[in-house]
N, C-alpha and C. Protein backbone atom coordinates (compact mmCIF):
# COMPACT_ATOMS: atom_id res chain seq x y z
N MET A 1 11.63 -48.70 -23.63
CA MET A 1 10.40 -47.99 -23.98
C MET A 1 10.65 -46.49 -23.83
N LEU A 2 10.23 -45.71 -24.84
CA LEU A 2 10.45 -44.28 -24.89
C LEU A 2 9.28 -43.56 -24.23
N LYS A 3 9.56 -42.76 -23.23
CA LYS A 3 8.51 -42.00 -22.54
C LYS A 3 8.39 -40.65 -23.22
N HIS A 4 7.19 -40.33 -23.70
CA HIS A 4 6.97 -39.09 -24.41
C HIS A 4 6.83 -37.91 -23.44
N LEU A 5 7.04 -36.72 -23.99
CA LEU A 5 6.92 -35.51 -23.19
C LEU A 5 5.45 -35.20 -22.94
N THR A 6 5.19 -34.53 -21.83
CA THR A 6 3.82 -34.12 -21.54
C THR A 6 3.47 -32.92 -22.42
N ASP A 7 2.17 -32.63 -22.51
CA ASP A 7 1.74 -31.48 -23.30
C ASP A 7 2.32 -30.19 -22.75
N ASP A 8 2.41 -30.08 -21.44
CA ASP A 8 2.99 -28.87 -20.84
C ASP A 8 4.45 -28.69 -21.26
N GLU A 9 5.21 -29.76 -21.25
CA GLU A 9 6.61 -29.68 -21.65
C GLU A 9 6.76 -29.30 -23.12
N VAL A 10 5.89 -29.85 -23.97
CA VAL A 10 5.93 -29.51 -25.38
C VAL A 10 5.57 -28.04 -25.59
N GLN A 11 4.57 -27.55 -24.85
CA GLN A 11 4.18 -26.15 -24.97
C GLN A 11 5.30 -25.22 -24.51
N VAL A 12 5.97 -25.57 -23.42
CA VAL A 12 7.09 -24.75 -22.95
C VAL A 12 8.20 -24.76 -24.00
N TYR A 13 8.42 -25.89 -24.64
CA TYR A 13 9.43 -25.98 -25.70
C TYR A 13 9.08 -25.07 -26.86
N VAL A 14 7.80 -25.02 -27.23
CA VAL A 14 7.37 -24.18 -28.35
C VAL A 14 7.48 -22.70 -27.99
N VAL A 15 7.06 -22.33 -26.79
CA VAL A 15 6.99 -20.92 -26.41
C VAL A 15 8.36 -20.36 -26.01
N ASP A 16 9.14 -21.13 -25.26
CA ASP A 16 10.39 -20.61 -24.70
C ASP A 16 11.49 -21.66 -24.83
N LYS A 17 11.99 -21.86 -26.05
CA LYS A 17 12.95 -22.92 -26.35
C LYS A 17 14.30 -22.71 -25.65
N GLN A 18 14.67 -21.45 -25.39
CA GLN A 18 15.99 -21.17 -24.79
C GLN A 18 16.04 -21.55 -23.31
N ASN A 19 14.92 -21.54 -22.62
CA ASN A 19 14.92 -21.80 -21.18
C ASN A 19 14.31 -23.15 -20.83
N VAL A 20 14.47 -24.11 -21.70
CA VAL A 20 13.89 -25.43 -21.46
C VAL A 20 15.01 -26.40 -21.05
N GLU A 21 14.64 -27.44 -20.33
CA GLU A 21 15.64 -28.39 -19.84
C GLU A 21 16.31 -29.12 -21.01
N MET A 22 17.52 -29.56 -20.78
CA MET A 22 18.29 -30.23 -21.83
C MET A 22 17.67 -31.57 -22.22
N ARG A 23 17.07 -32.27 -21.27
CA ARG A 23 16.46 -33.58 -21.58
C ARG A 23 15.31 -33.43 -22.55
N ILE A 24 14.58 -32.28 -22.49
CA ILE A 24 13.47 -32.05 -23.41
C ILE A 24 14.01 -31.80 -24.81
N ILE A 25 15.08 -31.05 -24.92
CA ILE A 25 15.68 -30.79 -26.24
C ILE A 25 16.20 -32.09 -26.85
N GLU A 26 16.87 -32.88 -26.04
CA GLU A 26 17.38 -34.17 -26.53
C GLU A 26 16.25 -35.07 -26.97
N HIS A 27 15.15 -35.08 -26.21
CA HIS A 27 14.01 -35.92 -26.56
C HIS A 27 13.39 -35.45 -27.89
N MET A 28 13.35 -34.17 -28.13
CA MET A 28 12.79 -33.63 -29.37
C MET A 28 13.59 -34.08 -30.58
N HIS A 29 14.91 -34.24 -30.43
CA HIS A 29 15.75 -34.70 -31.54
C HIS A 29 15.51 -36.17 -31.85
N ILE A 30 15.12 -36.94 -30.87
CA ILE A 30 14.93 -38.38 -31.04
C ILE A 30 13.51 -38.73 -31.49
N CYS A 31 12.49 -38.08 -30.87
CA CYS A 31 11.10 -38.54 -30.99
C CYS A 31 10.35 -37.76 -32.08
N ALA A 32 9.87 -38.46 -33.07
CA ALA A 32 9.12 -37.84 -34.16
C ALA A 32 7.71 -37.46 -33.71
N GLU A 33 7.15 -38.25 -32.83
CA GLU A 33 5.78 -37.97 -32.35
C GLU A 33 5.73 -36.65 -31.56
N CYS A 34 6.70 -36.40 -30.73
CA CYS A 34 6.73 -35.15 -29.96
C CYS A 34 7.03 -33.97 -30.87
N ARG A 35 7.86 -34.18 -31.93
CA ARG A 35 8.09 -33.11 -32.90
C ARG A 35 6.79 -32.76 -33.62
N ALA A 36 5.98 -33.77 -33.91
CA ALA A 36 4.68 -33.52 -34.57
C ALA A 36 3.78 -32.70 -33.65
N LYS A 37 3.79 -33.05 -32.36
CA LYS A 37 3.01 -32.26 -31.39
C LYS A 37 3.50 -30.81 -31.37
N THR A 38 4.81 -30.64 -31.47
CA THR A 38 5.39 -29.31 -31.46
C THR A 38 4.86 -28.49 -32.64
N GLU A 39 4.81 -29.08 -33.81
CA GLU A 39 4.31 -28.37 -34.98
C GLU A 39 2.84 -28.01 -34.83
N VAL A 40 2.05 -28.90 -34.23
CA VAL A 40 0.64 -28.60 -33.99
C VAL A 40 0.50 -27.41 -33.06
N TYR A 41 1.27 -27.40 -31.99
CA TYR A 41 1.20 -26.28 -31.05
C TYR A 41 1.70 -24.98 -31.68
N ARG A 42 2.71 -25.05 -32.53
CA ARG A 42 3.17 -23.85 -33.22
C ARG A 42 2.07 -23.28 -34.11
N LEU A 43 1.38 -24.16 -34.83
CA LEU A 43 0.27 -23.70 -35.68
C LEU A 43 -0.85 -23.09 -34.85
N LEU A 44 -1.18 -23.73 -33.72
CA LEU A 44 -2.24 -23.20 -32.84
C LEU A 44 -1.86 -21.82 -32.31
N ILE A 45 -0.65 -21.68 -31.83
CA ILE A 45 -0.22 -20.41 -31.24
C ILE A 45 -0.18 -19.32 -32.30
N SER A 46 0.34 -19.63 -33.49
CA SER A 46 0.38 -18.60 -34.53
C SER A 46 -1.03 -18.23 -34.99
N GLY A 47 -1.95 -19.20 -35.03
CA GLY A 47 -3.34 -18.91 -35.39
C GLY A 47 -4.01 -18.02 -34.36
N ILE A 48 -3.75 -18.26 -33.10
CA ILE A 48 -4.32 -17.44 -32.03
C ILE A 48 -3.76 -16.03 -32.10
N GLU A 49 -2.47 -15.91 -32.36
CA GLU A 49 -1.85 -14.58 -32.43
C GLU A 49 -2.33 -13.79 -33.63
N GLN A 50 -2.75 -14.45 -34.71
CA GLN A 50 -3.21 -13.76 -35.91
C GLN A 50 -4.65 -13.27 -35.79
N GLN A 51 -5.40 -13.80 -34.84
CA GLN A 51 -6.79 -13.38 -34.69
C GLN A 51 -6.83 -11.94 -34.17
N PRO A 52 -7.84 -11.17 -34.63
CA PRO A 52 -7.96 -9.81 -34.11
C PRO A 52 -8.38 -9.82 -32.65
N ARG A 53 -7.89 -8.85 -31.93
CA ARG A 53 -8.23 -8.76 -30.51
C ARG A 53 -9.70 -8.39 -30.37
N PRO A 54 -10.39 -8.99 -29.41
CA PRO A 54 -11.81 -8.65 -29.23
C PRO A 54 -11.96 -7.22 -28.71
N VAL A 55 -12.97 -6.53 -29.23
CA VAL A 55 -13.23 -5.16 -28.85
C VAL A 55 -14.70 -5.06 -28.45
N PHE A 56 -14.97 -4.41 -27.32
CA PHE A 56 -16.35 -4.20 -26.90
C PHE A 56 -16.96 -3.08 -27.73
N ASP A 57 -18.25 -3.20 -28.02
CA ASP A 57 -18.92 -2.15 -28.76
C ASP A 57 -19.55 -1.12 -27.82
N PHE A 58 -19.15 -1.15 -26.56
CA PHE A 58 -19.62 -0.18 -25.57
C PHE A 58 -18.46 0.15 -24.65
N ASP A 59 -18.62 1.22 -23.89
CA ASP A 59 -17.56 1.66 -22.97
C ASP A 59 -17.70 0.88 -21.67
N LEU A 60 -16.86 -0.12 -21.51
CA LEU A 60 -16.93 -1.00 -20.34
C LEU A 60 -16.65 -0.24 -19.05
N SER A 61 -15.66 0.66 -19.05
CA SER A 61 -15.32 1.37 -17.82
C SER A 61 -16.47 2.27 -17.37
N ALA A 62 -17.15 2.91 -18.31
CA ALA A 62 -18.30 3.76 -17.94
C ALA A 62 -19.43 2.91 -17.38
N SER A 63 -19.62 1.74 -17.94
CA SER A 63 -20.67 0.85 -17.45
C SER A 63 -20.39 0.37 -16.03
N VAL A 64 -19.15 0.05 -15.77
CA VAL A 64 -18.78 -0.41 -14.42
C VAL A 64 -18.87 0.74 -13.43
N LEU A 65 -18.41 1.94 -13.83
CA LEU A 65 -18.46 3.08 -12.92
C LEU A 65 -19.89 3.46 -12.55
N LYS A 66 -20.83 3.26 -13.45
CA LYS A 66 -22.23 3.56 -13.15
C LYS A 66 -22.76 2.64 -12.04
N GLN A 67 -22.25 1.43 -11.99
CA GLN A 67 -22.75 0.46 -11.02
C GLN A 67 -22.11 0.60 -9.65
N LEU A 68 -20.99 1.30 -9.57
CA LEU A 68 -20.33 1.47 -8.27
C LEU A 68 -21.11 2.46 -7.41
N PRO A 69 -21.18 2.19 -6.11
CA PRO A 69 -21.89 3.15 -5.24
C PRO A 69 -21.07 4.42 -5.08
N THR A 70 -21.76 5.54 -5.02
CA THR A 70 -21.07 6.81 -4.82
C THR A 70 -20.68 6.92 -3.35
N PRO A 71 -19.48 7.40 -3.09
CA PRO A 71 -19.04 7.50 -1.69
C PRO A 71 -19.85 8.57 -0.96
N GLN A 72 -20.27 8.23 0.22
CA GLN A 72 -21.01 9.16 1.07
C GLN A 72 -20.02 9.82 2.01
N LEU A 73 -19.85 11.11 1.86
CA LEU A 73 -18.95 11.83 2.75
C LEU A 73 -19.63 12.05 4.09
N LYS A 74 -18.96 11.61 5.13
CA LYS A 74 -19.51 11.73 6.47
C LYS A 74 -18.87 12.93 7.17
N ALA A 75 -19.70 13.70 7.81
CA ALA A 75 -19.18 14.83 8.57
C ALA A 75 -18.73 14.32 9.94
N ALA A 76 -17.45 14.29 10.13
CA ALA A 76 -16.91 13.82 11.40
C ALA A 76 -16.90 14.96 12.41
N ASN A 77 -17.03 14.60 13.66
CA ASN A 77 -17.03 15.60 14.71
C ASN A 77 -15.59 15.80 15.17
N ASP A 78 -14.78 16.45 14.30
CA ASP A 78 -13.37 16.62 14.58
C ASP A 78 -13.10 17.61 15.70
N LYS A 79 -13.94 18.59 15.84
CA LYS A 79 -13.70 19.61 16.87
C LYS A 79 -13.83 19.01 18.27
N LEU A 80 -14.74 18.07 18.43
CA LEU A 80 -14.92 17.44 19.74
C LEU A 80 -13.65 16.68 20.13
N VAL A 81 -13.08 15.93 19.20
CA VAL A 81 -11.86 15.18 19.48
C VAL A 81 -10.71 16.13 19.81
N THR A 82 -10.64 17.24 19.08
CA THR A 82 -9.58 18.22 19.34
C THR A 82 -9.68 18.77 20.75
N TRP A 83 -10.87 19.17 21.15
CA TRP A 83 -11.04 19.74 22.49
C TRP A 83 -10.80 18.70 23.58
N ILE A 84 -11.17 17.47 23.34
CA ILE A 84 -10.90 16.42 24.33
C ILE A 84 -9.40 16.25 24.49
N LEU A 85 -8.65 16.22 23.37
CA LEU A 85 -7.19 16.09 23.45
C LEU A 85 -6.56 17.28 24.17
N VAL A 86 -7.07 18.49 23.90
CA VAL A 86 -6.53 19.68 24.56
C VAL A 86 -6.75 19.61 26.06
N PHE A 87 -7.96 19.27 26.49
CA PHE A 87 -8.25 19.23 27.93
C PHE A 87 -7.51 18.10 28.64
N VAL A 88 -7.36 16.97 27.99
CA VAL A 88 -6.59 15.87 28.59
C VAL A 88 -5.12 16.28 28.73
N SER A 89 -4.58 16.93 27.71
CA SER A 89 -3.18 17.38 27.78
C SER A 89 -2.98 18.41 28.89
N ILE A 90 -3.90 19.36 28.97
CA ILE A 90 -3.81 20.37 30.04
C ILE A 90 -3.92 19.71 31.41
N GLY A 91 -4.77 18.70 31.52
CA GLY A 91 -4.92 17.98 32.79
C GLY A 91 -3.63 17.27 33.18
N PHE A 92 -2.98 16.63 32.22
CA PHE A 92 -1.71 15.96 32.52
C PHE A 92 -0.64 16.96 32.94
N ILE A 93 -0.55 18.06 32.24
CA ILE A 93 0.46 19.08 32.58
C ILE A 93 0.18 19.67 33.96
N ALA A 94 -1.09 19.99 34.23
CA ALA A 94 -1.44 20.55 35.55
C ALA A 94 -1.16 19.54 36.66
N GLY A 95 -1.43 18.27 36.41
CA GLY A 95 -1.14 17.23 37.41
C GLY A 95 0.34 17.12 37.68
N ALA A 96 1.15 17.18 36.62
CA ALA A 96 2.60 17.09 36.79
C ALA A 96 3.14 18.29 37.55
N VAL A 97 2.64 19.48 37.22
CA VAL A 97 3.08 20.70 37.93
C VAL A 97 2.68 20.62 39.41
N TYR A 98 1.46 20.16 39.69
CA TYR A 98 1.00 20.06 41.08
C TYR A 98 1.84 19.03 41.86
N TYR A 99 2.09 17.88 41.23
CA TYR A 99 2.82 16.82 41.90
C TYR A 99 4.27 17.21 42.17
N PHE A 100 4.90 17.92 41.25
CA PHE A 100 6.30 18.31 41.39
C PHE A 100 6.47 19.77 41.80
N ARG A 101 5.49 20.36 42.44
CA ARG A 101 5.55 21.79 42.77
C ARG A 101 6.70 22.12 43.71
N ASN A 102 7.06 21.24 44.60
CA ASN A 102 8.15 21.53 45.54
C ASN A 102 9.52 21.45 44.85
N GLN A 103 9.66 20.61 43.86
CA GLN A 103 10.94 20.44 43.18
C GLN A 103 11.15 21.46 42.06
N LEU A 104 10.08 22.10 41.58
CA LEU A 104 10.21 23.04 40.47
C LEU A 104 11.07 24.24 40.84
N ALA A 105 10.91 24.75 42.03
CA ALA A 105 11.68 25.94 42.45
C ALA A 105 13.17 25.62 42.51
N SER A 106 13.52 24.48 43.06
CA SER A 106 14.95 24.14 43.18
C SER A 106 15.54 23.74 41.83
N MET A 107 14.73 23.28 40.92
CA MET A 107 15.22 22.85 39.61
C MET A 107 15.71 24.04 38.78
N PHE A 108 15.06 25.18 38.94
CA PHE A 108 15.41 26.34 38.12
C PHE A 108 16.24 27.39 38.87
N GLU A 109 16.78 27.06 40.05
CA GLU A 109 17.63 28.00 40.77
C GLU A 109 18.92 28.24 40.01
N GLY A 110 19.32 29.46 39.93
CA GLY A 110 20.58 29.80 39.27
C GLY A 110 20.45 29.98 37.77
N VAL A 111 19.30 29.72 37.20
CA VAL A 111 19.10 29.89 35.76
C VAL A 111 18.39 31.22 35.56
N ALA A 112 18.85 31.97 34.59
CA ALA A 112 18.25 33.27 34.32
C ALA A 112 16.79 33.08 33.87
N THR A 113 15.96 34.02 34.25
CA THR A 113 14.53 33.94 33.97
C THR A 113 14.26 33.89 32.46
N ILE A 114 15.03 34.61 31.69
CA ILE A 114 14.80 34.63 30.25
C ILE A 114 15.02 33.25 29.63
N PHE A 115 15.99 32.50 30.15
CA PHE A 115 16.24 31.16 29.64
C PHE A 115 15.09 30.22 29.96
N ILE A 116 14.52 30.40 31.14
CA ILE A 116 13.37 29.57 31.52
C ILE A 116 12.22 29.83 30.56
N TYR A 117 11.97 31.09 30.25
CA TYR A 117 10.89 31.43 29.32
C TYR A 117 11.18 30.89 27.91
N LEU A 118 12.43 31.01 27.47
CA LEU A 118 12.79 30.51 26.14
C LEU A 118 12.63 29.00 26.04
N ILE A 119 13.05 28.29 27.08
CA ILE A 119 12.91 26.84 27.10
C ILE A 119 11.43 26.45 27.10
N ALA A 120 10.64 27.11 27.90
CA ALA A 120 9.21 26.80 27.98
C ALA A 120 8.51 27.09 26.65
N ILE A 121 8.79 28.23 26.06
CA ILE A 121 8.16 28.59 24.79
C ILE A 121 8.58 27.62 23.68
N SER A 122 9.86 27.26 23.65
CA SER A 122 10.35 26.31 22.64
C SER A 122 9.68 24.95 22.80
N ALA A 123 9.62 24.48 24.04
CA ALA A 123 9.01 23.18 24.30
C ALA A 123 7.54 23.18 23.92
N ILE A 124 6.82 24.22 24.28
CA ILE A 124 5.39 24.30 23.95
C ILE A 124 5.18 24.37 22.44
N THR A 125 6.03 25.12 21.73
CA THR A 125 5.92 25.22 20.28
C THR A 125 6.17 23.88 19.61
N VAL A 126 7.22 23.19 20.03
CA VAL A 126 7.53 21.88 19.43
C VAL A 126 6.41 20.88 19.71
N ILE A 127 5.94 20.84 20.92
CA ILE A 127 4.86 19.91 21.28
C ILE A 127 3.59 20.24 20.50
N ALA A 128 3.26 21.52 20.40
CA ALA A 128 2.06 21.92 19.66
C ALA A 128 2.19 21.55 18.18
N ALA A 129 3.36 21.75 17.59
CA ALA A 129 3.56 21.39 16.19
C ALA A 129 3.43 19.89 15.97
N LEU A 130 4.00 19.10 16.87
CA LEU A 130 3.90 17.64 16.75
C LEU A 130 2.46 17.16 16.91
N VAL A 131 1.74 17.71 17.87
CA VAL A 131 0.35 17.32 18.07
C VAL A 131 -0.49 17.72 16.87
N PHE A 132 -0.27 18.92 16.35
CA PHE A 132 -1.02 19.39 15.18
C PHE A 132 -0.76 18.50 13.97
N ASP A 133 0.52 18.15 13.73
CA ASP A 133 0.87 17.28 12.61
C ASP A 133 0.25 15.90 12.77
N MET A 134 0.30 15.35 13.97
CA MET A 134 -0.28 14.04 14.23
C MET A 134 -1.79 14.06 14.00
N TYR A 135 -2.44 15.13 14.42
CA TYR A 135 -3.88 15.24 14.24
C TYR A 135 -4.26 15.39 12.77
N LYS A 136 -3.48 16.13 12.00
CA LYS A 136 -3.74 16.27 10.57
C LYS A 136 -3.60 14.93 9.86
N LYS A 137 -2.58 14.13 10.23
CA LYS A 137 -2.44 12.79 9.66
C LYS A 137 -3.63 11.93 10.01
N TYR A 138 -4.09 12.05 11.24
CA TYR A 138 -5.26 11.29 11.68
C TYR A 138 -6.48 11.68 10.84
N GLN A 139 -6.69 12.98 10.62
CA GLN A 139 -7.83 13.43 9.83
C GLN A 139 -7.75 12.91 8.39
N LYS A 140 -6.56 12.96 7.80
CA LYS A 140 -6.39 12.49 6.43
C LYS A 140 -6.70 10.99 6.33
N GLU A 141 -6.20 10.21 7.28
CA GLU A 141 -6.46 8.78 7.25
C GLU A 141 -7.94 8.46 7.47
N MET A 142 -8.59 9.21 8.31
CA MET A 142 -10.02 9.01 8.53
C MET A 142 -10.83 9.33 7.28
N LYS A 143 -10.43 10.38 6.56
CA LYS A 143 -11.13 10.73 5.32
C LYS A 143 -10.93 9.66 4.27
N VAL A 144 -9.73 9.07 4.21
CA VAL A 144 -9.49 7.99 3.26
C VAL A 144 -10.36 6.79 3.62
N LEU A 145 -10.46 6.48 4.89
CA LEU A 145 -11.28 5.35 5.31
C LEU A 145 -12.76 5.61 5.07
N ASP A 146 -13.21 6.85 5.19
CA ASP A 146 -14.61 7.17 4.95
C ASP A 146 -15.00 7.00 3.49
N LEU A 147 -14.03 7.15 2.58
CA LEU A 147 -14.34 6.99 1.16
C LEU A 147 -14.56 5.54 0.79
N TYR A 148 -13.99 4.64 1.57
CA TYR A 148 -14.14 3.22 1.25
C TYR A 148 -15.19 2.68 2.14
């Protein structure tokens, strides 16, 4: 008894003959009924491709955009967060200086004063730049989230 191909297999044969299994091609050579199905699907596909594409008589994108809610820009209290971060940072630095006050003098013995100032200024500049950059990224991400 000859088992016929499924409609899906026949459709794949019609649409993409080069990438179909060998058993399907062999079956097509043997079975007249499946070849008839193939011709029907070819006619259907060519008829669908010949039809004109549907076109809206109105601007769909403008209609959809009218229905979308307008984003409400929220005024965030960014200055408060900035000052909180500044005071917390100053508190941590002051705590570290107070806790290590006895070791600070011995740590910098023998080092010229100008080098100490250069190291401190460089460290403060790098830390300030990193904090500023991190805060700007935070603000940008918050603004993106506020739009949605």
